[in-house]
Amino acid sequence: MTRTFPYLRKGNQYFPVIDVELRHGRVALRLKALVDSGASLSVFRAEVAEYLGIRIEKGKPIYLTGIGGRILGYLHTLPVRVGSTRFRCKIVFSKEFTVSLNILGRDNFFQPFLITFAERRRQLILRDI
């Protein structure tokens, strides 16, 4: 199946953002997240884990480094759904991650899809593989 997502406009910039559903137990949360081919891991704000009832410190501690420096996060694996595609995804939750968009990175979010960033059309295309 192929799904096309228009880029999200913020000010004068456009971002490849999709709708994704995370699940923990009986609680599900649908939210928007940035598909980031430059990110190794998926990183979400701590508020997402709190809403789902996840105690983030129960995950594996991991330090993430990037342009903004180094932050502490905790690695969890959760069921994820994008459209009709369901799979388990590694997600790092961090109280120190304070940017406006949650990030979907390459380490296993990209595996079930062929992903096209159609910059000229400002669209992200996901095709199941």
N, C-alpha and C. Protein backbone atom coordinates (compact mmCIF):
# COMPACT_ATOMS: atom_id res chain seq x y z
N MET A 1 0.84 -1.17 0.00
CA MET A 1 0.00 0.00 0.00
C MET A 1 0.90 1.24 0.00
N THR A 2 0.45 2.26 -0.70
CA THR A 2 1.17 3.52 -0.78
C THR A 2 0.35 4.61 -0.12
N ARG A 3 1.01 5.42 0.71
CA ARG A 3 0.36 6.55 1.37
C ARG A 3 1.19 7.80 1.11
N THR A 4 0.50 8.90 0.84
CA THR A 4 1.16 10.17 0.59
C THR A 4 0.75 11.16 1.66
N PHE A 5 1.74 11.85 2.22
CA PHE A 5 1.51 12.83 3.28
C PHE A 5 2.03 14.19 2.81
N PRO A 6 1.20 15.22 2.84
CA PRO A 6 1.70 16.55 2.51
C PRO A 6 2.63 17.03 3.63
N TYR A 7 3.66 17.78 3.25
CA TYR A 7 4.55 18.35 4.26
C TYR A 7 3.77 19.32 5.13
N LEU A 8 4.19 19.43 6.37
CA LEU A 8 3.62 20.37 7.32
C LEU A 8 4.34 21.71 7.17
N ARG A 9 3.57 22.76 7.04
CA ARG A 9 4.15 24.09 6.93
C ARG A 9 4.23 24.74 8.30
N LYS A 10 5.42 25.21 8.66
CA LYS A 10 5.64 25.98 9.88
C LYS A 10 6.39 27.24 9.48
N GLY A 11 5.67 28.35 9.49
CA GLY A 11 6.27 29.60 9.02
C GLY A 11 6.55 29.50 7.54
N ASN A 12 7.82 29.72 7.17
CA ASN A 12 8.22 29.63 5.76
C ASN A 12 8.88 28.31 5.42
N GLN A 13 8.82 27.34 6.33
CA GLN A 13 9.47 26.05 6.10
C GLN A 13 8.44 24.93 6.02
N TYR A 14 8.85 23.84 5.35
CA TYR A 14 7.99 22.66 5.20
C TYR A 14 8.73 21.45 5.73
N PHE A 15 7.98 20.56 6.41
CA PHE A 15 8.59 19.41 7.07
C PHE A 15 7.83 18.13 6.71
N PRO A 16 8.58 17.01 6.49
CA PRO A 16 7.92 15.73 6.19
C PRO A 16 7.37 15.09 7.47
N VAL A 17 6.12 15.39 7.75
CA VAL A 17 5.46 14.96 8.98
C VAL A 17 4.33 14.00 8.63
N ILE A 18 4.20 12.92 9.41
CA ILE A 18 3.14 11.94 9.17
C ILE A 18 2.35 11.71 10.45
N ASP A 19 1.19 11.08 10.30
CA ASP A 19 0.39 10.63 11.44
C ASP A 19 0.85 9.23 11.80
N VAL A 20 1.09 9.01 13.08
CA VAL A 20 1.54 7.71 13.58
C VAL A 20 0.78 7.41 14.87
N GLU A 21 0.48 6.14 15.09
CA GLU A 21 -0.19 5.75 16.32
C GLU A 21 0.76 4.88 17.15
N LEU A 22 0.95 5.25 18.40
CA LEU A 22 1.73 4.47 19.35
C LEU A 22 0.77 3.80 20.30
N ARG A 23 1.13 2.61 20.77
CA ARG A 23 0.26 1.87 21.67
C ARG A 23 1.09 1.31 22.83
N HIS A 24 0.48 1.35 24.01
CA HIS A 24 1.08 0.71 25.18
C HIS A 24 -0.08 0.13 25.99
N GLY A 25 -0.13 -1.19 26.05
CA GLY A 25 -1.27 -1.83 26.71
C GLY A 25 -2.54 -1.49 25.96
N ARG A 26 -3.53 -0.99 26.69
CA ARG A 26 -4.81 -0.63 26.06
C ARG A 26 -4.89 0.83 25.64
N VAL A 27 -3.82 1.56 25.87
CA VAL A 27 -3.82 2.99 25.56
C VAL A 27 -3.15 3.22 24.21
N ALA A 28 -3.82 3.98 23.36
CA ALA A 28 -3.26 4.34 22.05
C ALA A 28 -3.25 5.85 21.93
N LEU A 29 -2.26 6.36 21.21
CA LEU A 29 -2.14 7.79 20.99
C LEU A 29 -1.75 8.02 19.54
N ARG A 30 -2.54 8.83 18.86
CA ARG A 30 -2.22 9.20 17.48
C ARG A 30 -1.65 10.61 17.50
N LEU A 31 -0.51 10.77 16.84
CA LEU A 31 0.15 12.07 16.82
C LEU A 31 0.95 12.24 15.55
N LYS A 32 1.46 13.43 15.37
CA LYS A 32 2.29 13.72 14.21
C LYS A 32 3.76 13.61 14.60
N ALA A 33 4.57 13.13 13.66
CA ALA A 33 6.00 13.01 13.91
C ALA A 33 6.76 13.28 12.61
N LEU A 34 7.94 13.84 12.77
CA LEU A 34 8.82 14.17 11.66
C LEU A 34 9.57 12.92 11.21
N VAL A 35 9.51 12.59 9.93
CA VAL A 35 10.30 11.49 9.38
C VAL A 35 11.66 12.08 9.03
N ASP A 36 12.70 11.62 9.75
CA ASP A 36 14.01 12.25 9.69
C ASP A 36 15.07 11.24 9.25
N SER A 37 15.46 11.29 7.98
CA SER A 37 16.46 10.35 7.47
C SER A 37 17.84 10.61 8.05
N GLY A 38 18.05 11.75 8.70
CA GLY A 38 19.33 12.05 9.33
C GLY A 38 19.41 11.58 10.77
N ALA A 39 18.30 11.07 11.31
CA ALA A 39 18.28 10.59 12.69
C ALA A 39 18.43 9.07 12.72
N SER A 40 19.32 8.60 13.55
CA SER A 40 19.49 7.15 13.69
C SER A 40 18.31 6.53 14.42
N LEU A 41 17.87 7.18 15.49
CA LEU A 41 16.82 6.63 16.35
C LEU A 41 15.58 7.51 16.34
N SER A 42 14.45 6.92 16.68
CA SER A 42 13.22 7.67 16.88
C SER A 42 13.25 8.24 18.29
N VAL A 43 12.93 9.52 18.43
CA VAL A 43 12.98 10.19 19.73
C VAL A 43 11.68 10.96 19.93
N PHE A 44 11.05 10.71 21.09
CA PHE A 44 9.79 11.36 21.41
C PHE A 44 9.90 12.05 22.76
N ARG A 45 9.08 13.07 22.92
CA ARG A 45 9.05 13.82 24.18
C ARG A 45 8.50 12.95 25.31
N ALA A 46 8.89 13.27 26.52
CA ALA A 46 8.48 12.50 27.70
C ALA A 46 6.97 12.53 27.90
N GLU A 47 6.31 13.61 27.48
CA GLU A 47 4.85 13.72 27.66
C GLU A 47 4.11 12.61 26.93
N VAL A 48 4.66 12.14 25.82
CA VAL A 48 4.04 11.05 25.07
C VAL A 48 4.06 9.77 25.90
N ALA A 49 5.20 9.48 26.49
CA ALA A 49 5.32 8.29 27.35
C ALA A 49 4.38 8.39 28.54
N GLU A 50 4.32 9.56 29.15
CA GLU A 50 3.44 9.75 30.31
C GLU A 50 1.98 9.50 29.94
N TYR A 51 1.54 10.01 28.79
CA TYR A 51 0.16 9.80 28.36
C TYR A 51 -0.13 8.31 28.17
N LEU A 52 0.85 7.58 27.62
CA LEU A 52 0.68 6.15 27.37
C LEU A 52 0.83 5.30 28.63
N GLY A 53 1.25 5.91 29.74
CA GLY A 53 1.45 5.16 30.98
C GLY A 53 2.78 4.44 31.05
N ILE A 54 3.76 4.91 30.31
CA ILE A 54 5.09 4.30 30.30
C ILE A 54 5.97 5.02 31.30
N ARG A 55 6.60 4.27 32.16
CA ARG A 55 7.62 4.84 33.06
C ARG A 55 8.93 4.81 32.29
N ILE A 56 9.33 5.97 31.81
CA ILE A 56 10.44 5.98 30.86
C ILE A 56 11.74 5.45 31.44
N GLU A 57 11.96 5.63 32.72
CA GLU A 57 13.21 5.16 33.33
C GLU A 57 13.33 3.64 33.35
N LYS A 58 12.25 2.92 33.06
CA LYS A 58 12.30 1.45 32.98
C LYS A 58 12.97 0.99 31.69
N GLY A 59 13.13 1.91 30.73
CA GLY A 59 13.79 1.57 29.47
C GLY A 59 15.30 1.55 29.63
N LYS A 60 15.97 1.16 28.57
CA LYS A 60 17.43 1.12 28.57
C LYS A 60 17.98 2.54 28.43
N PRO A 61 18.81 3.00 29.40
CA PRO A 61 19.37 4.35 29.29
C PRO A 61 20.29 4.47 28.07
N ILE A 62 20.18 5.60 27.39
CA ILE A 62 20.99 5.82 26.20
C ILE A 62 21.24 7.32 26.08
N TYR A 63 22.46 7.67 25.71
CA TYR A 63 22.79 9.07 25.47
C TYR A 63 22.75 9.33 23.97
N LEU A 64 22.05 10.38 23.60
CA LEU A 64 21.94 10.78 22.20
C LEU A 64 22.75 12.05 21.99
N THR A 65 23.51 12.08 20.91
CA THR A 65 24.30 13.27 20.61
C THR A 65 23.88 13.82 19.25
N GLY A 66 23.95 15.11 19.13
CA GLY A 66 23.59 15.76 17.87
C GLY A 66 24.04 17.20 17.89
N ILE A 67 23.47 17.97 17.01
CA ILE A 67 23.86 19.37 16.88
C ILE A 67 23.64 20.12 18.19
N GLY A 68 22.55 19.77 18.91
CA GLY A 68 22.21 20.47 20.14
C GLY A 68 22.97 19.99 21.36
N GLY A 69 23.88 19.04 21.21
CA GLY A 69 24.63 18.52 22.35
C GLY A 69 24.23 17.09 22.66
N ARG A 70 24.21 16.76 23.96
CA ARG A 70 23.95 15.39 24.40
C ARG A 70 22.77 15.36 25.36
N ILE A 71 21.84 14.41 25.13
CA ILE A 71 20.69 14.27 26.03
C ILE A 71 20.56 12.82 26.47
N LEU A 72 19.97 12.63 27.65
CA LEU A 72 19.71 11.30 28.17
C LEU A 72 18.30 10.88 27.79
N GLY A 73 18.18 9.66 27.29
CA GLY A 73 16.87 9.10 26.96
C GLY A 73 16.81 7.65 27.39
N TYR A 74 15.65 7.07 27.21
CA TYR A 74 15.43 5.68 27.60
C TYR A 74 14.75 4.95 26.45
N LEU A 75 15.38 3.85 26.02
CA LEU A 75 14.94 3.10 24.85
C LEU A 75 13.83 2.11 25.22
N HIS A 76 12.74 2.17 24.46
CA HIS A 76 11.60 1.26 24.61
C HIS A 76 11.25 0.72 23.22
N THR A 77 10.52 -0.38 23.17
CA THR A 77 10.00 -0.90 21.91
C THR A 77 8.48 -0.98 22.04
N LEU A 78 7.78 -0.32 21.11
CA LEU A 78 6.32 -0.21 21.18
C LEU A 78 5.67 -0.62 19.86
N PRO A 79 4.42 -1.09 19.94
CA PRO A 79 3.66 -1.28 18.70
C PRO A 79 3.33 0.08 18.08
N VAL A 80 3.52 0.16 16.78
CA VAL A 80 3.29 1.40 16.04
C VAL A 80 2.40 1.06 14.85
N ARG A 81 1.57 2.04 14.48
CA ARG A 81 0.74 1.86 13.28
C ARG A 81 0.82 3.13 12.44
N VAL A 82 1.07 2.93 11.15
CA VAL A 82 1.00 4.00 10.16
C VAL A 82 0.02 3.50 9.10
N GLY A 83 -1.14 4.13 9.03
CA GLY A 83 -2.18 3.62 8.14
C GLY A 83 -2.57 2.23 8.59
N SER A 84 -2.49 1.26 7.69
CA SER A 84 -2.82 -0.13 8.05
C SER A 84 -1.57 -0.95 8.38
N THR A 85 -0.40 -0.35 8.31
CA THR A 85 0.85 -1.06 8.58
C THR A 85 1.17 -1.01 10.06
N ARG A 86 1.32 -2.19 10.67
CA ARG A 86 1.62 -2.30 12.10
C ARG A 86 2.96 -3.01 12.27
N PHE A 87 3.77 -2.51 13.20
CA PHE A 87 5.07 -3.14 13.50
C PHE A 87 5.55 -2.62 14.84
N ARG A 88 6.60 -3.23 15.36
CA ARG A 88 7.19 -2.78 16.62
C ARG A 88 8.35 -1.85 16.27
N CYS A 89 8.43 -0.76 17.02
CA CYS A 89 9.41 0.27 16.72
C CYS A 89 10.19 0.65 17.97
N LYS A 90 11.49 0.80 17.82
CA LYS A 90 12.33 1.29 18.91
C LYS A 90 12.12 2.80 19.04
N ILE A 91 11.82 3.25 20.26
CA ILE A 91 11.60 4.68 20.50
C ILE A 91 12.33 5.08 21.77
N VAL A 92 13.06 6.17 21.70
CA VAL A 92 13.72 6.75 22.86
C VAL A 92 12.83 7.87 23.38
N PHE A 93 12.51 7.82 24.67
CA PHE A 93 11.77 8.90 25.32
C PHE A 93 12.76 9.67 26.19
N SER A 94 12.68 10.99 26.12
CA SER A 94 13.62 11.81 26.89
C SER A 94 12.94 13.04 27.45
N LYS A 95 13.20 13.30 28.72
CA LYS A 95 12.73 14.53 29.36
C LYS A 95 13.51 15.74 28.87
N GLU A 96 14.70 15.50 28.31
CA GLU A 96 15.56 16.58 27.84
C GLU A 96 15.31 16.93 26.37
N PHE A 97 14.45 16.17 25.71
CA PHE A 97 14.12 16.41 24.30
C PHE A 97 12.97 17.41 24.27
N THR A 98 13.27 18.65 23.88
CA THR A 98 12.27 19.70 24.02
C THR A 98 11.91 20.38 22.69
N VAL A 99 12.27 19.78 21.58
CA VAL A 99 11.90 20.37 20.29
C VAL A 99 10.41 20.15 20.04
N SER A 100 9.87 20.88 19.07
CA SER A 100 8.42 20.86 18.87
C SER A 100 7.91 19.59 18.20
N LEU A 101 8.73 18.89 17.42
CA LEU A 101 8.27 17.70 16.70
C LEU A 101 8.97 16.45 17.20
N ASN A 102 8.20 15.39 17.45
CA ASN A 102 8.78 14.08 17.72
C ASN A 102 9.43 13.58 16.43
N ILE A 103 10.43 12.71 16.56
CA ILE A 103 11.23 12.29 15.41
C ILE A 103 11.13 10.79 15.19
N LEU A 104 10.91 10.41 13.94
CA LEU A 104 10.97 9.01 13.52
C LEU A 104 12.26 8.83 12.75
N GLY A 105 13.20 8.06 13.34
CA GLY A 105 14.52 7.86 12.75
C GLY A 105 14.64 6.53 12.02
N ARG A 106 15.81 6.32 11.41
CA ARG A 106 16.04 5.16 10.55
C ARG A 106 15.99 3.82 11.26
N ASP A 107 16.53 3.73 12.48
CA ASP A 107 16.63 2.41 13.14
C ASP A 107 15.26 1.86 13.44
N ASN A 108 14.80 1.14 12.73
CA ASN A 108 13.70 0.26 12.42
C ASN A 108 12.39 0.91 12.02
N PHE A 109 12.24 2.22 12.12
CA PHE A 109 11.02 2.81 11.55
C PHE A 109 11.05 2.72 10.03
N PHE A 110 12.22 2.87 9.41
CA PHE A 110 12.32 2.88 7.96
C PHE A 110 12.20 1.48 7.35
N GLN A 111 12.36 0.41 8.13
CA GLN A 111 12.43 -0.95 7.59
C GLN A 111 11.20 -1.42 6.82
N PRO A 112 9.96 -1.16 7.28
CA PRO A 112 8.82 -1.70 6.53
C PRO A 112 8.42 -0.90 5.30
N PHE A 113 9.14 0.20 5.02
CA PHE A 113 8.70 1.11 3.96
C PHE A 113 9.80 1.42 2.95
N LEU A 114 9.37 1.74 1.74
CA LEU A 114 10.19 2.45 0.78
C LEU A 114 9.74 3.90 0.94
N ILE A 115 10.67 4.79 1.29
CA ILE A 115 10.31 6.17 1.64
C ILE A 115 10.87 7.12 0.59
N THR A 116 9.98 7.97 0.08
CA THR A 116 10.38 8.97 -0.91
C THR A 116 10.09 10.35 -0.36
N PHE A 117 11.10 11.19 -0.33
CA PHE A 117 10.93 12.60 0.03
C PHE A 117 10.79 13.37 -1.29
N ALA A 118 9.58 13.72 -1.65
CA ALA A 118 9.32 14.44 -2.90
C ALA A 118 9.36 15.94 -2.57
N GLU A 119 10.55 16.48 -2.50
CA GLU A 119 10.75 17.86 -2.04
C GLU A 119 10.03 18.88 -2.93
N ARG A 120 10.12 18.71 -4.22
CA ARG A 120 9.49 19.68 -5.12
C ARG A 120 7.98 19.75 -4.90
N ARG A 121 7.36 18.58 -4.65
CA ARG A 121 5.90 18.55 -4.40
C ARG A 121 5.56 18.72 -2.93
N ARG A 122 6.61 18.77 -2.07
CA ARG A 122 6.40 18.87 -0.62
C ARG A 122 5.51 17.75 -0.12
N GLN A 123 5.92 16.53 -0.45
CA GLN A 123 5.18 15.33 -0.05
C GLN A 123 6.16 14.26 0.41
N LEU A 124 5.67 13.46 1.36
CA LEU A 124 6.39 12.24 1.77
C LEU A 124 5.54 11.07 1.30
N ILE A 125 6.18 10.11 0.65
CA ILE A 125 5.46 8.94 0.13
C ILE A 125 6.00 7.70 0.84
N LEU A 126 5.12 6.95 1.48
CA LEU A 126 5.47 5.69 2.13
C LEU A 126 4.85 4.55 1.33
N ARG A 127 5.68 3.59 0.94
CA ARG A 127 5.18 2.41 0.24
C ARG A 127 5.60 1.18 1.03
N ASP A 128 4.64 0.33 1.39
CA ASP A 128 4.96 -0.91 2.11
C ASP A 128 5.86 -1.80 1.24
N ILE A 129 6.87 -2.44 1.87
CA ILE A 129 7.71 -3.39 1.14
C ILE A 129 7.67 -4.74 1.84
